[in-house]
Amino acid sequence: MTENLLIQALVYLTAGVAAAPIAKRLGLGSVLGYLIAGVVVGPFALSLVGEQEDVMKFAEFGVVILLFMIGLEVRPALLWSMRKTIFGLGGAQVLFTAIAIAGFSLAFGLNWKTALAVGLVLAMSSTAIVLQTLDEKGLRQGPVGRAAFGVLLLQDLAIIPLFALLPLLAEAPAQLIAQTAHAAEGGGHGGGSLISEFPGWLQTLAVLAAVAAVVGGGRYVIQPIFRFIAQSRLREIFTATALLIVVAVAVLMQMVGLSPALGAFLAGVVLAESEYRRELEADIEPFRGLLLGLFFITVGAGINFNIILAQPLVLVGIVLGLMVLKFAVMFGLALIGGATGRAAAAVATALAQGGEFAFVLLTFTVGAGVIGADLAALLTAAVAVSMALTPLAMIVYEKVSAMLDAAIPDVKPDDPDFDEAEPDIIIAGFGRFGQITGRLLQANGFKSVVLDSDIEQIEVLRRFGRRVHYGDATRLDLLRAAGAERARMLVVALDEKEKTSELVEKARQAFPDLIILARAFDRRHAYDLLANGADAVERETFEAALSMGVTALRSLGFRAHRAHRAADYFRRHDMRAFEELRPVWGQEEAYMLASRDAAQTTERLLAADLARMKPGGEDSWDVSGRAEDELEAAKEDER
């Protein structure tokens, strides 16, 4: 048993590791790579794996985690700002696509219940493939990306009611429907619902109590738990706690006879406004990707090629008909919604395939007695092929657009309404230093995402209405989740010298186009940050000390203009010395000698500058005097 399990794990991991990177390198996407890997190791090719049922039960937990991740994105502010796209365009796409597919299915002899079920299942598109493709084409931030994301989000939200609706379309008696639906959703995995023998009114109360427990627990229990865990600064325990919550909520929903996916989604929605959302996403993302990859491999291995080979023309017809029909519906709806012809065509091409949730829903509908096993196998193969053809369809669209002098990469998206996942600036550290910089930038209209790992500081800031996310900014996965790949600038204002250097180095390697401004603790740390890739540094005490010096000079009898001019002279000479010493930084002896010489030179030049100032304050705030100073400084630099 154990030996067989280890061999299967070896086969699945090898298949995924080998196929996904190759498929992505070829521009086909990782999802398609997993599907191809499943086909290769499945019973219709190399036959390296046996029974899929046990592995599928485990892999389906990836779908539960995916629903939790989707729930984390469903924030009220996002839903409101994109309400027309999500509920208008997205709702219309699901409705009219389902009706159109159901109509054609009726024409080919299916009864109306099965036809409607097929239409609803095939109306879904692939979130993984679409978003990845749009990112690669640079369209994620423009009108095309916003429209596609809105439709995909509505489709993801529609999965939940579909789990409840589809069993009602079965031809079986109501009691059998309930039993098969429960089994298909995984209720039988843990021994069945604990309330199945209760009266109907008591079952309803139990379901409502479970939902209330998830909502109330998320607000009043889970957040204090995360606060306690965050204070321990043990990342692995934070990750384990996140997984524990997902599993616990899924089990609770299963115990009352509901879909575990519904519970996970609900838990994600409850935590969507939490300051821990970013850290949760970053911690759970690897598990989601790994388990979904395993799920797609099992789907690929389960494709029945005997049916495909027996009906190749039927399969080709279903795939082409599905993609053309979905393209036509989406293109028309996008035009009605006000999109340009090119944008509408791009959105329609991107969304023309079947989706990964179709695999889940088809398995579910077979168990619920809605769709026959042979038809489901044929549709599963058609969805997989349509997903495989999506990258090729986008390439064809680009070629056609190029011929019309409007290639997709050259389309400039309009200014997007940045939400928290699409900031102008990411601020790492929001203590005494980062707050000043962040408030100045925000006051001038720049959108920012703020990350900090000090839970006490976060709680204080949130009481003042500041939105700060808990998380370790040195984690690249967390920076990506915060939007670093699309942001313009990263401001590093951490309280730890080593963490600051580590973040600057990692960010420069991972995001070469990102402007990085960093807080330095001293001159040597500033050199270190510049060597690691910072575009500019600010020594944390330098300007404050200069300001204190100005105050001291004024208290000692200097006129205001003379004190400020003295500070300007000092700043200019110090910066010149900073640049002159930079080449010998790291050479301890040479640096010490050069520092001594630079200090003496700075004092001499500063004294000469101050001696040239006009007595009695006649020069005051004279701009021409400043201009002469700058010209003289430039000449000295040339010499």
Foldseek 3Di string as FASTA:
>chain_A
DVVLVVQVVVLLVVQLVPQQVVCVVVVQHNLLSLLVSLQCCFPVHVVSHDDLPVLLLQLCVLLLLVLLLLLLQPEPVVCVVCVCLQCPLLVLLLVVQLVVQLVVVVVVPDDNLLSSLVSNLQSAFAPRLLCVNCVVLVNCFFPLNSNLVSNNSNNSVVVQVCLVPSLVSFPDDPVLLLVLSLVLLPLPVVPHAQCPPPDPVVLVVLLVVLLCCLLVCLVPPLVVVLLVVLVVVDLVVNLVSLVVSLVVQLVSCSNSSGRSSVSSNSNSNSCNQPLASLVSCLSCVVVSVVSNSSNSSSLSSPQDVVLCVVCVVVLVCVLVVQLVSQLVSQLVSVVVVPDDNLSSNLNSLSGSARYPCSLSSLSSSCSSNRDPPSVSSSVSVSRSVNSSCSSVSLVVSQVVCVVVVHGSSPDDGDRGPDDQLAFQEEEEDCPPPRVVVVVVCVVVPGGYAYEYSDSVVCVVVVVVVDRHHYDLLLDPSSCNSRHLQNYAEYEYDDPDLVSQLSSLLVSCVVRVRHAYEYEACDLLSQLSSVVSPHPYYDDPCLVVVLVVQLVVVVVVPDDNQLSVVLSVLLVLLVVVLSVVLSVCRPVVVVSVVSVVVSVVVSVVVSVVVSVPDDPPCPCPVPPVVVVVVVVVSVVVVVD
